[in-house]
Amino acid sequence: MKNEESKTRSMDPVIKKCMKHLEIIGADDKTRQIVYMYMKTLEDKLTKVNEKELDHQSP
């Protein structure tokens, strides 16, 4: 339980909101797991893109 709480605190607000909506509509655990996996993958890719852009802006 403690591990789940720390995950929730560090979770991106958009992912957190999406997961809450899945809970509201009664999505099963497997569906929530799959959606989280894809959302997290997108977040990771965006982070890499943003880091690359920052690297290119540096003198």
N, C-alpha and C. Protein backbone atom coordinates (compact mmCIF):
# COMPACT_ATOMS: atom_id res chain seq x y z
N MET A 1 0.83 -1.20 0.00
CA MET A 1 0.00 0.00 0.00
C MET A 1 0.87 1.26 0.00
N LYS A 2 1.93 1.23 0.79
CA LYS A 2 2.81 2.39 0.86
C LYS A 2 3.43 2.69 -0.50
N ASN A 3 3.82 1.64 -1.25
CA ASN A 3 4.40 1.81 -2.58
C ASN A 3 3.40 2.45 -3.53
N GLU A 4 2.12 2.05 -3.44
CA GLU A 4 1.09 2.64 -4.29
C GLU A 4 0.91 4.12 -3.98
N GLU A 5 0.99 4.48 -2.72
CA GLU A 5 0.84 5.88 -2.32
C GLU A 5 1.99 6.72 -2.88
N SER A 6 3.21 6.21 -2.84
CA SER A 6 4.35 6.97 -3.36
C SER A 6 4.26 7.09 -4.88
N LYS A 7 3.72 6.07 -5.56
CA LYS A 7 3.51 6.14 -7.01
C LYS A 7 2.53 7.24 -7.34
N THR A 8 1.44 7.30 -6.59
CA THR A 8 0.39 8.28 -6.85
C THR A 8 0.92 9.70 -6.66
N ARG A 9 1.74 9.91 -5.65
CA ARG A 9 2.29 11.24 -5.39
C ARG A 9 3.21 11.71 -6.50
N SER A 10 3.99 10.79 -7.08
CA SER A 10 4.94 11.18 -8.11
C SER A 10 4.36 11.08 -9.52
N MET A 11 3.11 10.64 -9.63
CA MET A 11 2.48 10.46 -10.93
C MET A 11 2.15 11.80 -11.57
N ASP A 12 2.37 11.88 -12.88
CA ASP A 12 2.02 13.08 -13.64
C ASP A 12 0.54 13.38 -13.43
N PRO A 13 0.18 14.66 -13.28
CA PRO A 13 -1.23 15.01 -13.04
C PRO A 13 -2.19 14.53 -14.12
N VAL A 14 -1.75 14.51 -15.38
CA VAL A 14 -2.62 14.05 -16.47
C VAL A 14 -2.87 12.55 -16.34
N ILE A 15 -1.81 11.80 -16.04
CA ILE A 15 -1.96 10.36 -15.87
C ILE A 15 -2.85 10.07 -14.66
N LYS A 16 -2.64 10.82 -13.60
CA LYS A 16 -3.44 10.65 -12.39
C LYS A 16 -4.92 10.88 -12.68
N LYS A 17 -5.22 11.93 -13.45
CA LYS A 17 -6.60 12.24 -13.79
C LYS A 17 -7.21 11.14 -14.67
N CYS A 18 -6.43 10.66 -15.62
CA CYS A 18 -6.88 9.58 -16.50
C CYS A 18 -7.20 8.34 -15.67
N MET A 19 -6.33 7.98 -14.75
CA MET A 19 -6.55 6.80 -13.92
C MET A 19 -7.80 6.97 -13.05
N LYS A 20 -8.02 8.17 -12.57
CA LYS A 20 -9.22 8.46 -11.77
C LYS A 20 -10.47 8.27 -12.62
N HIS A 21 -10.44 8.75 -13.86
CA HIS A 21 -11.58 8.58 -14.76
C HIS A 21 -11.84 7.11 -15.05
N LEU A 22 -10.78 6.33 -15.22
CA LEU A 22 -10.96 4.90 -15.44
C LEU A 22 -11.61 4.24 -14.24
N GLU A 23 -11.25 4.70 -13.05
CA GLU A 23 -11.86 4.18 -11.83
C GLU A 23 -13.34 4.54 -11.79
N ILE A 24 -13.66 5.78 -12.16
CA ILE A 24 -15.05 6.25 -12.13
C ILE A 24 -15.93 5.44 -13.08
N ILE A 25 -15.41 5.12 -14.27
CA ILE A 25 -16.23 4.38 -15.24
C ILE A 25 -16.21 2.88 -14.99
N GLY A 26 -15.46 2.46 -13.97
CA GLY A 26 -15.47 1.06 -13.60
C GLY A 26 -14.60 0.16 -14.45
N ALA A 27 -13.53 0.72 -15.01
CA ALA A 27 -12.61 -0.09 -15.81
C ALA A 27 -11.94 -1.13 -14.91
N ASP A 28 -11.74 -2.30 -15.44
CA ASP A 28 -11.10 -3.36 -14.65
C ASP A 28 -9.60 -3.08 -14.51
N ASP A 29 -8.98 -3.84 -13.63
CA ASP A 29 -7.55 -3.62 -13.34
C ASP A 29 -6.67 -3.79 -14.56
N LYS A 30 -6.97 -4.76 -15.40
CA LYS A 30 -6.14 -5.01 -16.59
C LYS A 30 -6.20 -3.81 -17.55
N THR A 31 -7.41 -3.26 -17.74
CA THR A 31 -7.57 -2.09 -18.60
C THR A 31 -6.79 -0.92 -18.04
N ARG A 32 -6.90 -0.69 -16.74
CA ARG A 32 -6.15 0.41 -16.11
C ARG A 32 -4.65 0.22 -16.26
N GLN A 33 -4.19 -1.02 -16.14
CA GLN A 33 -2.77 -1.31 -16.28
C GLN A 33 -2.29 -0.99 -17.70
N ILE A 34 -3.07 -1.39 -18.70
CA ILE A 34 -2.70 -1.15 -20.09
C ILE A 34 -2.68 0.35 -20.40
N VAL A 35 -3.72 1.06 -19.96
CA VAL A 35 -3.78 2.51 -20.20
C VAL A 35 -2.61 3.20 -19.51
N TYR A 36 -2.31 2.82 -18.27
CA TYR A 36 -1.18 3.43 -17.55
C TYR A 36 0.12 3.18 -18.30
N MET A 37 0.30 1.97 -18.80
CA MET A 37 1.53 1.63 -19.51
C MET A 37 1.72 2.55 -20.72
N TYR A 38 0.66 2.75 -21.51
CA TYR A 38 0.77 3.62 -22.68
C TYR A 38 0.96 5.08 -22.29
N MET A 39 0.26 5.53 -21.28
CA MET A 39 0.41 6.93 -20.83
C MET A 39 1.84 7.17 -20.33
N LYS A 40 2.38 6.23 -19.59
CA LYS A 40 3.74 6.36 -19.05
C LYS A 40 4.76 6.35 -20.19
N THR A 41 4.54 5.52 -21.20
CA THR A 41 5.44 5.48 -22.36
C THR A 41 5.44 6.82 -23.07
N LEU A 42 4.26 7.41 -23.26
CA LEU A 42 4.18 8.73 -23.88
C LEU A 42 4.90 9.79 -23.05
N GLU A 43 4.71 9.73 -21.75
CA GLU A 43 5.39 10.68 -20.86
C GLU A 43 6.91 10.56 -21.00
N ASP A 44 7.40 9.33 -21.01
CA ASP A 44 8.84 9.10 -21.14
C ASP A 44 9.38 9.64 -22.47
N LYS A 45 8.63 9.40 -23.56
CA LYS A 45 9.05 9.90 -24.87
C LYS A 45 9.06 11.42 -24.91
N LEU A 46 8.05 12.04 -24.34
CA LEU A 46 8.00 13.50 -24.31
C LEU A 46 9.15 14.08 -23.49
N THR A 47 9.48 13.42 -22.42
CA THR A 47 10.60 13.86 -21.59
C THR A 47 11.90 13.83 -22.39
N LYS A 48 12.09 12.76 -23.16
CA LYS A 48 13.30 12.65 -23.98
C LYS A 48 13.34 13.74 -25.05
N VAL A 49 12.20 14.00 -25.69
CA VAL A 49 12.13 15.05 -26.71
C VAL A 49 12.44 16.40 -26.10
N ASN A 50 11.88 16.68 -24.95
CA ASN A 50 12.13 17.95 -24.28
C ASN A 50 13.60 18.10 -23.89
N GLU A 51 14.22 17.02 -23.44
CA GLU A 51 15.64 17.06 -23.09
C GLU A 51 16.49 17.34 -24.32
N LYS A 52 16.15 16.73 -25.44
CA LYS A 52 16.89 16.96 -26.69
C LYS A 52 16.77 18.42 -27.12
N GLU A 53 15.56 18.96 -27.01
CA GLU A 53 15.35 20.37 -27.39
C GLU A 53 16.18 21.29 -26.50
N LEU A 54 16.24 20.99 -25.23
CA LEU A 54 17.05 21.80 -24.32
C LEU A 54 18.53 21.69 -24.65
N ASP A 55 18.98 20.51 -25.03
CA ASP A 55 20.38 20.31 -25.40
C ASP A 55 20.74 21.13 -26.64
N HIS A 56 19.82 21.21 -27.59
CA HIS A 56 20.07 21.97 -28.83
C HIS A 56 20.06 23.47 -28.58
N GLN A 57 19.38 23.90 -27.55
CA GLN A 57 19.31 25.33 -27.25
C GLN A 57 20.54 25.83 -26.49
N SER A 58 21.25 24.90 -25.87
CA SER A 58 22.43 25.29 -25.11
C SER A 58 23.53 25.78 -26.04
N PRO A 59 24.27 26.83 -25.63
CA PRO A 59 25.35 27.35 -26.50
C PRO A 59 26.55 26.43 -26.58
